[in-house]
N, C-alpha and C. Protein backbone atom coordinates (compact mmCIF):
# COMPACT_ATOMS: atom_id res chain seq x y z
N MET A 1 0.74 -1.15 -0.13
CA MET A 1 -0.06 -0.02 -0.06
C MET A 1 0.63 0.98 0.00
N GLU A 2 0.47 2.44 -0.75
CA GLU A 2 1.38 3.71 -0.94
C GLU A 2 1.67 4.13 0.59
N LYS A 3 2.50 4.64 0.44
CA LYS A 3 2.38 5.59 2.07
C LYS A 3 1.63 5.99 2.63
N ILE A 4 1.12 7.30 1.72
CA ILE A 4 0.30 8.21 2.11
C ILE A 4 -0.74 7.52 2.44
N VAL A 5 -1.22 6.67 1.64
CA VAL A 5 -2.63 5.76 1.69
C VAL A 5 -2.94 5.47 3.16
N GLU A 6 -1.41 4.76 3.54
CA GLU A 6 -1.45 3.98 4.58
C GLU A 6 -1.58 4.77 5.56
N GLN A 7 -0.96 5.84 5.63
CA GLN A 7 -1.08 7.14 6.62
C GLN A 7 -2.33 7.56 7.00
N THR A 8 -2.84 7.83 6.18
CA THR A 8 -4.45 8.51 5.90
C THR A 8 -5.35 7.54 6.49
N LEU A 9 -5.30 6.66 6.49
CA LEU A 9 -6.06 5.26 6.76
C LEU A 9 -6.07 5.38 8.54
N LEU A 10 -4.45 4.94 8.70
CA LEU A 10 -4.65 4.88 9.98
C LEU A 10 -4.54 6.32 10.91
N TYR A 11 -4.04 7.42 10.08
CA TYR A 11 -5.20 8.67 11.17
C TYR A 11 -6.73 8.64 11.12
N ASP A 12 -6.99 7.79 9.79
CA ASP A 12 -8.68 8.15 9.47
C ASP A 12 -9.44 7.35 11.35
N PHE A 13 -8.59 6.46 11.21
CA PHE A 13 -9.29 5.34 12.39
C PHE A 13 -8.43 5.72 13.26
N TYR A 14 -7.36 6.23 14.07
CA TYR A 14 -7.09 6.14 15.45
C TYR A 14 -6.43 7.64 15.43
N GLY A 15 -6.66 8.25 14.39
CA GLY A 15 -6.36 9.80 14.77
C GLY A 15 -6.51 10.83 16.10
N GLU A 16 -7.88 10.38 16.14
CA GLU A 16 -8.20 10.90 17.68
C GLU A 16 -7.89 10.51 18.88
N LEU A 17 -7.09 9.48 18.78
CA LEU A 17 -6.53 9.11 20.02
C LEU A 17 -4.47 9.99 20.07
N LEU A 18 -4.70 10.67 18.93
CA LEU A 18 -3.29 11.81 19.64
C LEU A 18 -3.83 12.57 20.24
N THR A 19 -2.75 13.21 20.70
CA THR A 19 -3.10 14.56 21.66
C THR A 19 -3.35 15.51 20.35
N GLU A 20 -3.76 16.97 20.68
CA GLU A 20 -4.34 17.94 20.21
C GLU A 20 -3.15 18.32 19.23
N HIS A 21 -1.82 18.65 19.80
CA HIS A 21 -0.68 18.65 19.68
C HIS A 21 -0.05 17.99 18.11
N GLN A 22 0.00 16.93 18.69
CA GLN A 22 0.69 15.69 17.79
C GLN A 22 -0.36 15.66 16.52
N LYS A 23 -1.75 15.98 16.28
CA LYS A 23 -2.76 15.76 15.34
C LYS A 23 -2.64 17.07 14.08
N ARG A 24 -2.34 18.29 15.23
CA ARG A 24 -2.23 19.63 14.08
C ARG A 24 -0.52 19.27 13.61
N VAL A 25 -0.12 19.25 14.14
CA VAL A 25 1.84 19.00 13.37
C VAL A 25 1.44 17.71 12.12
N TYR A 26 1.08 16.77 12.51
CA TYR A 26 0.75 15.52 11.49
C TYR A 26 -0.05 15.65 10.67
N GLU A 27 -1.23 16.77 10.88
CA GLU A 27 -1.79 17.41 9.71
C GLU A 27 -1.21 17.98 8.71
N ASP A 28 -0.71 18.71 9.62
CA ASP A 28 0.18 20.41 8.39
C ASP A 28 1.12 19.31 7.89
N VAL A 29 2.09 18.53 8.29
CA VAL A 29 3.03 17.62 7.31
C VAL A 29 2.33 16.60 6.38
N VAL A 30 1.84 15.84 7.13
CA VAL A 30 1.50 14.65 5.73
C VAL A 30 -0.17 15.03 5.26
N PHE A 31 -0.89 15.86 5.76
CA PHE A 31 -1.98 16.41 5.03
C PHE A 31 -2.15 17.64 4.28
N ASN A 32 -1.70 18.93 4.64
CA ASN A 32 -1.43 19.98 4.55
C ASN A 32 0.25 20.31 3.81
N ASP A 33 1.04 18.85 3.35
CA ASP A 33 2.05 19.12 2.54
C ASP A 33 3.51 19.85 3.15
N LEU A 34 3.11 20.50 4.40
CA LEU A 34 3.96 21.10 4.49
C LEU A 34 5.08 21.06 5.27
N SER A 35 6.49 21.12 4.81
CA SER A 35 7.81 20.74 5.14
C SER A 35 8.13 20.91 6.92
N PHE A 36 8.76 19.77 7.21
CA PHE A 36 9.30 19.98 8.72
C PHE A 36 9.61 21.63 9.32
N SER A 37 10.38 22.03 7.82
CA SER A 37 10.93 23.60 8.87
C SER A 37 9.39 24.39 8.84
N GLU A 38 8.56 24.40 7.58
CA GLU A 38 7.45 25.45 7.60
C GLU A 38 6.71 24.92 8.98
N ALA A 39 6.37 23.74 9.26
CA ALA A 39 5.89 23.56 10.04
C ALA A 39 6.42 23.54 12.01
N ALA A 40 7.46 23.36 11.76
CA ALA A 40 8.14 23.94 12.81
C ALA A 40 8.29 25.35 13.16
N GLU A 41 8.21 26.08 12.25
CA GLU A 41 7.95 27.49 11.99
C GLU A 41 7.00 28.20 12.54
N GLU A 42 5.58 27.43 12.34
CA GLU A 42 4.01 27.92 12.14
C GLU A 42 3.93 27.04 13.96
N ARG A 43 4.35 26.56 13.85
CA ARG A 43 4.49 25.64 15.70
C ARG A 43 4.92 25.94 16.70
N GLY A 44 6.41 26.63 15.98
CA GLY A 44 6.97 27.57 17.13
C GLY A 44 8.15 26.29 17.81
N ILE A 45 8.61 24.89 17.49
CA ILE A 45 9.48 24.28 17.81
C ILE A 45 10.32 24.08 16.98
N SER A 46 11.34 23.16 17.09
CA SER A 46 12.39 22.84 16.06
C SER A 46 11.84 21.91 14.83
N ARG A 47 12.85 22.24 13.63
CA ARG A 47 12.94 21.43 12.62
C ARG A 47 12.64 19.77 13.41
N GLN A 48 13.80 19.39 14.43
CA GLN A 48 13.85 18.27 14.49
C GLN A 48 12.88 17.60 15.23
N GLY A 49 12.30 18.44 16.13
CA GLY A 49 11.25 18.31 16.72
C GLY A 49 9.91 17.71 16.05
N VAL A 50 9.30 18.68 14.88
CA VAL A 50 8.91 18.10 13.82
C VAL A 50 8.94 16.38 13.36
N HIS A 51 10.08 16.07 12.95
CA HIS A 51 10.57 15.28 12.28
C HIS A 51 9.88 14.06 13.46
N ASP A 52 10.85 14.03 14.81
CA ASP A 52 10.48 13.50 16.38
C ASP A 52 8.99 13.00 16.50
N LEU A 53 8.40 13.84 16.23
CA LEU A 53 7.07 13.57 16.51
C LEU A 53 6.45 13.03 15.20
N ILE A 54 6.81 13.60 13.69
CA ILE A 54 5.95 12.53 12.74
C ILE A 54 6.40 11.58 12.91
N LYS A 55 7.62 11.08 13.83
CA LYS A 55 8.23 9.75 13.45
C LYS A 55 6.73 8.89 14.64
N ARG A 56 6.90 9.22 15.80
CA ARG A 56 6.34 8.70 16.73
C ARG A 56 4.82 8.77 16.60
N CYS A 57 4.50 9.47 16.14
CA CYS A 57 3.06 9.26 15.90
C CYS A 57 2.86 8.28 15.07
N ASN A 58 3.56 8.03 13.53
CA ASN A 58 3.40 7.36 12.63
C ASN A 58 3.49 6.07 13.81
N ARG A 59 4.47 5.69 14.03
CA ARG A 59 4.81 4.38 15.62
C ARG A 59 3.29 4.08 15.89
N ILE A 60 3.00 5.07 16.87
CA ILE A 60 1.98 4.90 17.88
C ILE A 60 0.82 4.94 16.83
N LEU A 61 -0.04 5.21 15.35
CA LEU A 61 -0.96 4.87 14.58
C LEU A 61 -0.24 3.26 14.32
N GLN A 62 0.80 2.74 13.83
CA GLN A 62 0.89 1.96 13.87
C GLN A 62 1.04 0.90 14.73
N GLU A 63 0.96 1.12 15.76
CA GLU A 63 1.11 0.32 17.55
C GLU A 63 -1.06 -0.17 17.27
N TYR A 64 -1.07 0.79 17.17
CA TYR A 64 -3.07 0.66 17.24
C TYR A 64 -3.33 -0.38 16.22
N GLU A 65 -3.21 0.04 15.02
CA GLU A 65 -3.41 -1.15 14.12
C GLU A 65 -3.06 -2.27 14.52
N GLU A 66 -1.95 -2.46 14.71
CA GLU A 66 -1.22 -3.94 15.25
C GLU A 66 -2.35 -4.54 16.39
N LYS A 67 -2.68 -4.27 17.38
CA LYS A 67 -3.24 -4.46 18.63
C LYS A 67 -5.27 -4.53 18.20
N LEU A 68 -5.00 -3.12 17.11
CA LEU A 68 -6.93 -3.80 16.87
C LEU A 68 -7.19 -4.37 15.51
N GLY A 69 -6.31 -3.72 14.34
CA GLY A 69 -6.76 -4.26 12.79
C GLY A 69 -8.24 -3.96 12.48
N LEU A 70 -7.87 -2.33 12.81
CA LEU A 70 -9.14 -2.16 12.16
C LEU A 70 -9.15 -1.74 10.72
N VAL A 71 -8.11 -1.26 10.13
CA VAL A 71 -7.59 -0.68 8.93
C VAL A 71 -8.05 -2.08 8.25
N GLU A 72 -7.44 -3.05 8.65
CA GLU A 72 -6.97 -4.29 7.82
C GLU A 72 -8.49 -4.92 7.58
N LYS A 73 -9.11 -5.02 8.73
CA LYS A 73 -10.92 -5.66 8.58
C LYS A 73 -11.16 -4.69 7.76
N PHE A 74 -11.06 -3.32 7.63
CA PHE A 74 -12.07 -2.42 6.79
C PHE A 74 -11.66 -2.52 5.16
N LEU A 75 -10.15 -2.77 4.79
CA LEU A 75 -9.85 -3.30 3.87
C LEU A 75 -10.48 -4.51 3.16
N MET A 76 -10.29 -5.63 4.06
CA MET A 76 -10.92 -6.62 4.02
C MET A 76 -12.51 -6.70 3.60
N THR A 77 -13.55 -5.98 4.27
CA THR A 77 -15.05 -6.00 4.15
C THR A 77 -14.94 -5.05 2.81
N GLN A 78 -13.92 -4.15 2.66
CA GLN A 78 -14.39 -3.61 0.95
C GLN A 78 -13.47 -4.42 0.15
N GLU A 79 -12.82 -5.17 0.25
CA GLU A 79 -12.67 -6.34 -1.03
C GLU A 79 -13.96 -7.20 -1.63
N LYS A 80 -14.39 -7.62 -0.32
CA LYS A 80 -15.24 -8.75 0.27
C LYS A 80 -16.96 -8.14 -0.66
N VAL A 81 -17.05 -6.60 0.07
CA VAL A 81 -18.08 -6.21 -1.44
C VAL A 81 -18.11 -5.95 -2.59
N LYS A 82 -16.63 -5.60 -2.77
CA LYS A 82 -16.12 -5.90 -4.02
C LYS A 82 -16.83 -7.03 -4.98
N GLU A 83 -15.94 -8.22 -4.61
CA GLU A 83 -16.77 -9.48 -4.59
C GLU A 83 -18.34 -9.71 -4.44
N ILE A 84 -18.63 -9.10 -3.64
CA ILE A 84 -20.26 -9.04 -4.20
C ILE A 84 -21.21 -8.53 -5.07
N HIS A 85 -20.80 -7.09 -5.20
CA HIS A 85 -20.86 -6.69 -6.06
C HIS A 85 -20.68 -6.84 -7.73
N SER A 86 -19.59 -7.82 -7.92
CA SER A 86 -18.96 -8.13 -8.84
C SER A 86 -20.23 -9.76 -9.52
N LEU A 87 -20.41 -10.40 -8.09
CA LEU A 87 -20.84 -11.51 -8.34
C LEU A 87 -22.51 -11.04 -8.60
N ALA A 88 -23.42 -10.29 -8.03
CA ALA A 88 -24.14 -9.62 -8.05
C ALA A 88 -24.86 -9.19 -9.39
N GLN A 89 -23.62 -8.77 -10.13
CA GLN A 89 -24.01 -8.36 -11.52
C GLN A 89 -23.61 -9.25 -12.52
N GLU A 90 -22.87 -10.45 -12.00
CA GLU A 90 -23.17 -11.60 -12.93
C GLU A 90 -24.14 -12.37 -12.90
N TYR A 91 -24.93 -12.42 -11.69
CA TYR A 91 -26.08 -13.09 -11.59
C TYR A 91 -27.30 -12.33 -12.31
N ARG A 92 -26.97 -11.16 -12.58
CA ARG A 92 -27.97 -10.09 -13.46
C ARG A 92 -28.25 -10.78 -14.99
N LYS A 93 -26.79 -11.19 -15.03
CA LYS A 93 -26.69 -11.93 -16.72
C LYS A 93 -26.77 -12.97 -16.88
N THR A 94 -26.88 -13.53 -16.13
CA THR A 94 -26.64 -15.49 -16.05
C THR A 94 -27.93 -16.01 -15.34
N GLU A 95 -28.15 -14.99 -13.95
CA GLU A 95 -28.97 -15.58 -13.09
C GLU A 95 -28.71 -16.95 -13.01
N ASP A 96 -27.77 -17.04 -12.70
CA ASP A 96 -27.02 -18.60 -12.21
C ASP A 96 -27.33 -18.75 -10.68
N ARG A 97 -27.78 -19.59 -10.28
CA ARG A 97 -28.32 -19.93 -8.90
C ARG A 97 -27.32 -19.79 -7.52
N LYS A 98 -26.12 -20.83 -8.46
CA LYS A 98 -25.03 -20.97 -7.53
C LYS A 98 -24.33 -19.67 -6.92
N LEU A 99 -24.37 -18.37 -7.35
CA LEU A 99 -23.95 -16.81 -7.55
C LEU A 99 -24.90 -16.54 -5.94
N ILE A 100 -26.01 -16.87 -5.47
CA ILE A 100 -26.09 -16.32 -4.97
C ILE A 100 -26.13 -17.14 -3.61
N PHE A 101 -25.52 -18.13 -3.67
CA PHE A 101 -24.83 -19.43 -2.35
C PHE A 101 -23.57 -18.83 -1.95
N LYS A 102 -22.69 -17.80 -3.63
CA LYS A 102 -21.94 -17.56 -2.36
C LYS A 102 -21.67 -16.13 -2.51
N ILE A 103 -22.80 -15.22 -2.95
CA ILE A 103 -22.92 -13.87 -2.37
C ILE A 103 -23.55 -14.21 -0.92
N GLU A 104 -24.03 -15.13 -0.18
CA GLU A 104 -24.37 -15.66 0.97
C GLU A 104 -23.02 -15.65 1.95
N GLU A 105 -22.09 -16.54 1.12
CA GLU A 105 -21.03 -17.02 1.88
C GLU A 105 -19.97 -15.98 2.01
N ILE A 106 -20.18 -14.81 1.57
CA ILE A 106 -19.37 -13.90 1.29
C ILE A 106 -19.96 -12.72 2.33
N SER A 107 -21.11 -12.65 2.47
CA SER A 107 -21.86 -11.82 3.37
C SER A 107 -21.09 -12.44 4.61
N GLU A 108 -21.52 -13.63 4.69
CA GLU A 108 -21.12 -14.43 6.02
C GLU A 108 -19.74 -13.88 6.57
N GLU A 109 -19.14 -14.32 5.55
CA GLU A 109 -17.62 -13.60 6.39
C GLU A 109 -17.75 -12.08 6.59
N ILE A 110 -18.29 -11.48 5.96
CA ILE A 110 -18.22 -10.11 5.86
C ILE A 110 -18.70 -10.08 7.73
N SER A 111 -19.63 -11.05 8.21
CA SER A 111 -20.33 -10.60 9.48
C SER A 111 -19.68 -11.36 10.64
N HIS A 112 -18.22 -11.60 10.51
CA HIS A 112 -17.25 -12.56 10.97
C HIS A 112 -16.18 -11.89 10.97
N LEU A 113 -16.08 -10.62 10.41
CA LEU A 113 -14.84 -9.86 10.50
C LEU A 113 -14.68 -9.55 11.75
């Protein structure tokens, strides 16, 4: 997964668990594309402080994911929904009843994630 996509997903799921200061600096650098120097100047801290904070936030977010696995479950669910959609489209064309059973099976898998 591309790093920015991974950072975005991790932040979407776990960002509220960071402090306000961590969130502001992280958003400045990762989402608003400020350089470490620009973020440091804006927040009144050192460039190294920004670098360390971003590194720490990435580690914290990754640790939450390792413990809770919400992003992984979300991505797996997305894939299953795409598969259901594809099977439903195929069913509309063929009316193959076996596809209904496959859709039900995938739906059951989603409910156990």
